[in-house]
Amino acid sequence: MNKTFRFTATAIGLAMLAACNSGASETRDTISVVGSSTVYPFATRVAEGFARNTDFASPIIESTGSGAGFELFCAGVGADTPDITNASRR
């Protein structure tokens, strides 16, 4: 039982480490937000306040529409995809 637990824990740990290494390590210095044109004015105000009150750059806010924002957000992980999506649907 103890050997099985150690083997399983080691396998899970190795899988987690492998998942963290996605090959090309592209980075971005800003947060990318896409989505709802309805939420856009509020999101830009929040981004401005975030930049004013922290040492981080102002997030890049794009008004793509809720549906397109979800598509971009769900396209994957990395510097080419947004970090946050806004939506204004019921």
C-alpha atoms as a PDB file:
ATOM      1  CA  MET A   1       0.000   0.000   0.000  1.00  0.00           C
ATOM      2  CA  ASN A   2       2.777   2.417   0.911  1.00  0.00           C
ATOM      3  CA  LYS A   3       4.683   1.672  -2.332  1.00  0.00           C
ATOM      4  CA  THR A   4       1.522   2.211  -4.359  1.00  0.00           C
ATOM      5  CA  PHE A   5       0.896   5.551  -2.669  1.00  0.00           C
ATOM      6  CA  ARG A   6       4.480   6.727  -3.295  1.00  0.00           C
ATOM      7  CA  PHE A   7       4.348   5.601  -6.920  1.00  0.00           C
ATOM      8  CA  THR A   8       1.020   7.380  -7.478  1.00  0.00           C
ATOM      9  CA  ALA A   9       2.213  10.560  -5.760  1.00  0.00           C
ATOM     10  CA  THR A  10       5.406  10.546  -7.828  1.00  0.00           C
ATOM     11  CA  ALA A  11       3.487   9.960 -11.065  1.00  0.00           C
ATOM     12  CA  ILE A  12       1.085  12.806 -10.291  1.00  0.00           C
ATOM     13  CA  GLY A  13       3.980  15.107  -9.408  1.00  0.00           C
ATOM     14  CA  LEU A  14       5.787  14.315 -12.652  1.00  0.00           C
ATOM     15  CA  ALA A  15       2.605  14.851 -14.652  1.00  0.00           C
ATOM     16  CA  MET A  16       2.132  18.244 -13.014  1.00  0.00           C
ATOM     17  CA  LEU A  17       5.718  19.235 -13.787  1.00  0.00           C
ATOM     18  CA  ALA A  18       5.350  18.123 -17.392  1.00  0.00           C
ATOM     19  CA  ALA A  19       2.156  20.151 -17.737  1.00  0.00           C
ATOM     20  CA  CYS A  20       3.941  23.278 -16.515  1.00  0.00           C
ATOM     21  CA  ASN A  21       6.500  23.070 -19.313  1.00  0.00           C
ATOM     22  CA  SER A  22       4.568  24.035 -22.426  1.00  0.00           C
ATOM     23  CA  GLY A  23       7.568  24.228 -24.751  1.00  0.00           C
ATOM     24  CA  ALA A  24       7.991  27.763 -26.042  1.00  0.00           C
ATOM     25  CA  SER A  25       7.892  30.139 -23.129  1.00  0.00           C
ATOM     26  CA  GLU A  26       6.210  33.219 -24.535  1.00  0.00           C
ATOM     27  CA  THR A  27       5.386  35.881 -21.988  1.00  0.00           C
ATOM     28  CA  ARG A  28       3.414  39.078 -21.884  1.00  0.00           C
ATOM     29  CA  ASP A  29       3.911  42.053 -19.563  1.00  0.00           C
ATOM     30  CA  THR A  30       0.243  43.009 -19.411  1.00  0.00           C
ATOM     31  CA  ILE A  31      -3.075  41.394 -18.607  1.00  0.00           C
ATOM     32  CA  SER A  32      -5.274  40.870 -21.665  1.00  0.00           C
ATOM     33  CA  VAL A  33      -9.057  41.220 -21.269  1.00  0.00           C
ATOM     34  CA  VAL A  34     -11.600  40.626 -24.058  1.00  0.00           C
ATOM     35  CA  GLY A  35     -15.359  40.433 -24.266  1.00  0.00           C
ATOM     36  CA  SER A  36     -18.599  42.306 -23.878  1.00  0.00           C
ATOM     37  CA  SER A  37     -19.007  45.747 -25.423  1.00  0.00           C
ATOM     38  CA  THR A  38     -21.532  46.473 -22.654  1.00  0.00           C
ATOM     39  CA  VAL A  39     -18.952  45.805 -19.932  1.00  0.00           C
ATOM     40  CA  TYR A  40     -16.138  47.560 -21.874  1.00  0.00           C
ATOM     41  CA  PRO A  41     -16.555  51.065 -20.323  1.00  0.00           C
ATOM     42  CA  PHE A  42     -16.552  49.595 -16.805  1.00  0.00           C
ATOM     43  CA  ALA A  43     -13.600  47.302 -17.591  1.00  0.00           C
ATOM     44  CA  THR A  44     -11.504  50.202 -18.914  1.00  0.00           C
ATOM     45  CA  ARG A  45     -12.202  52.213 -15.739  1.00  0.00           C
ATOM     46  CA  VAL A  46     -11.186  49.248 -13.587  1.00  0.00           C
ATOM     47  CA  ALA A  47      -8.010  48.796 -15.675  1.00  0.00           C
ATOM     48  CA  GLU A  48      -7.101  52.466 -15.241  1.00  0.00           C
ATOM     49  CA  GLY A  49      -7.599  52.210 -11.475  1.00  0.00           C
ATOM     50  CA  PHE A  50      -5.562  49.008 -11.374  1.00  0.00           C
ATOM     51  CA  ALA A  51      -2.652  50.720 -13.145  1.00  0.00           C
ATOM     52  CA  ARG A  52      -2.906  53.804 -10.927  1.00  0.00           C
ATOM     53  CA  ASN A  53      -2.932  51.849  -7.667  1.00  0.00           C
ATOM     54  CA  THR A  54      -0.404  49.107  -8.409  1.00  0.00           C
ATOM     55  CA  ASP A  55       3.064  48.797  -9.896  1.00  0.00           C
ATOM     56  CA  PHE A  56       1.666  46.836 -12.852  1.00  0.00           C
ATOM     57  CA  ALA A  57       0.946  48.082 -16.368  1.00  0.00           C
ATOM     58  CA  SER A  58      -2.618  48.868 -17.331  1.00  0.00           C
ATOM     59  CA  PRO A  59      -4.435  45.790 -18.654  1.00  0.00           C
ATOM     60  CA  ILE A  60      -5.256  45.762 -22.362  1.00  0.00           C
ATOM     61  CA  ILE A  61      -9.054  45.808 -22.741  1.00  0.00           C
ATOM     62  CA  GLU A  62     -10.658  44.825 -26.072  1.00  0.00           C
ATOM     63  CA  SER A  63     -14.347  45.038 -26.942  1.00  0.00           C
ATOM     64  CA  THR A  64     -14.898  41.868 -28.976  1.00  0.00           C
ATOM     65  CA  GLY A  65     -18.427  40.974 -27.926  1.00  0.00           C
ATOM     66  CA  SER A  66     -19.295  38.275 -25.390  1.00  0.00           C
ATOM     67  CA  GLY A  67     -19.351  35.352 -27.842  1.00  0.00           C
ATOM     68  CA  ALA A  68     -16.075  36.259 -29.548  1.00  0.00           C
ATOM     69  CA  GLY A  69     -14.506  36.903 -26.141  1.00  0.00           C
ATOM     70  CA  PHE A  70     -15.375  33.390 -24.982  1.00  0.00           C
ATOM     71  CA  GLU A  71     -13.997  31.909 -28.212  1.00  0.00           C
ATOM     72  CA  LEU A  72     -10.698  33.763 -27.794  1.00  0.00           C
ATOM     73  CA  PHE A  73     -10.467  32.886 -24.104  1.00  0.00           C
ATOM     74  CA  CYS A  74     -11.156  29.193 -24.715  1.00  0.00           C
ATOM     75  CA  ALA A  75      -8.646  28.979 -27.586  1.00  0.00           C
ATOM     76  CA  GLY A  76      -5.829  27.955 -25.268  1.00  0.00           C
ATOM     77  CA  VAL A  77      -3.176  29.152 -22.869  1.00  0.00           C
ATOM     78  CA  GLY A  78      -0.301  31.477 -23.620  1.00  0.00           C
ATOM     79  CA  ALA A  79       0.695  34.930 -24.746  1.00  0.00           C
ATOM     80  CA  ASP A  80      -1.601  34.756 -27.793  1.00  0.00           C
ATOM     81  CA  THR A  81      -4.789  34.220 -25.793  1.00  0.00           C
ATOM     82  CA  PRO A  82      -6.551  36.541 -23.326  1.00  0.00           C
ATOM     83  CA  ASP A  83      -6.284  36.131 -19.563  1.00  0.00           C
ATOM     84  CA  ILE A  84      -9.818  37.302 -18.742  1.00  0.00           C
ATOM     85  CA  THR A  85     -13.136  37.483 -20.600  1.00  0.00           C
ATOM     86  CA  ASN A  86     -16.139  39.693 -19.826  1.00  0.00           C
ATOM     87  CA  ALA A  87     -19.716  38.764 -20.665  1.00  0.00           C
ATOM     88  CA  SER A  88     -23.087  40.455 -20.384  1.00  0.00           C
ATOM     89  CA  ARG A  89     -25.566  37.730 -21.146  1.00  0.00           C
ATOM     90  CA  ARG A  90     -28.539  36.509 -19.165  1.00  0.00           C
END
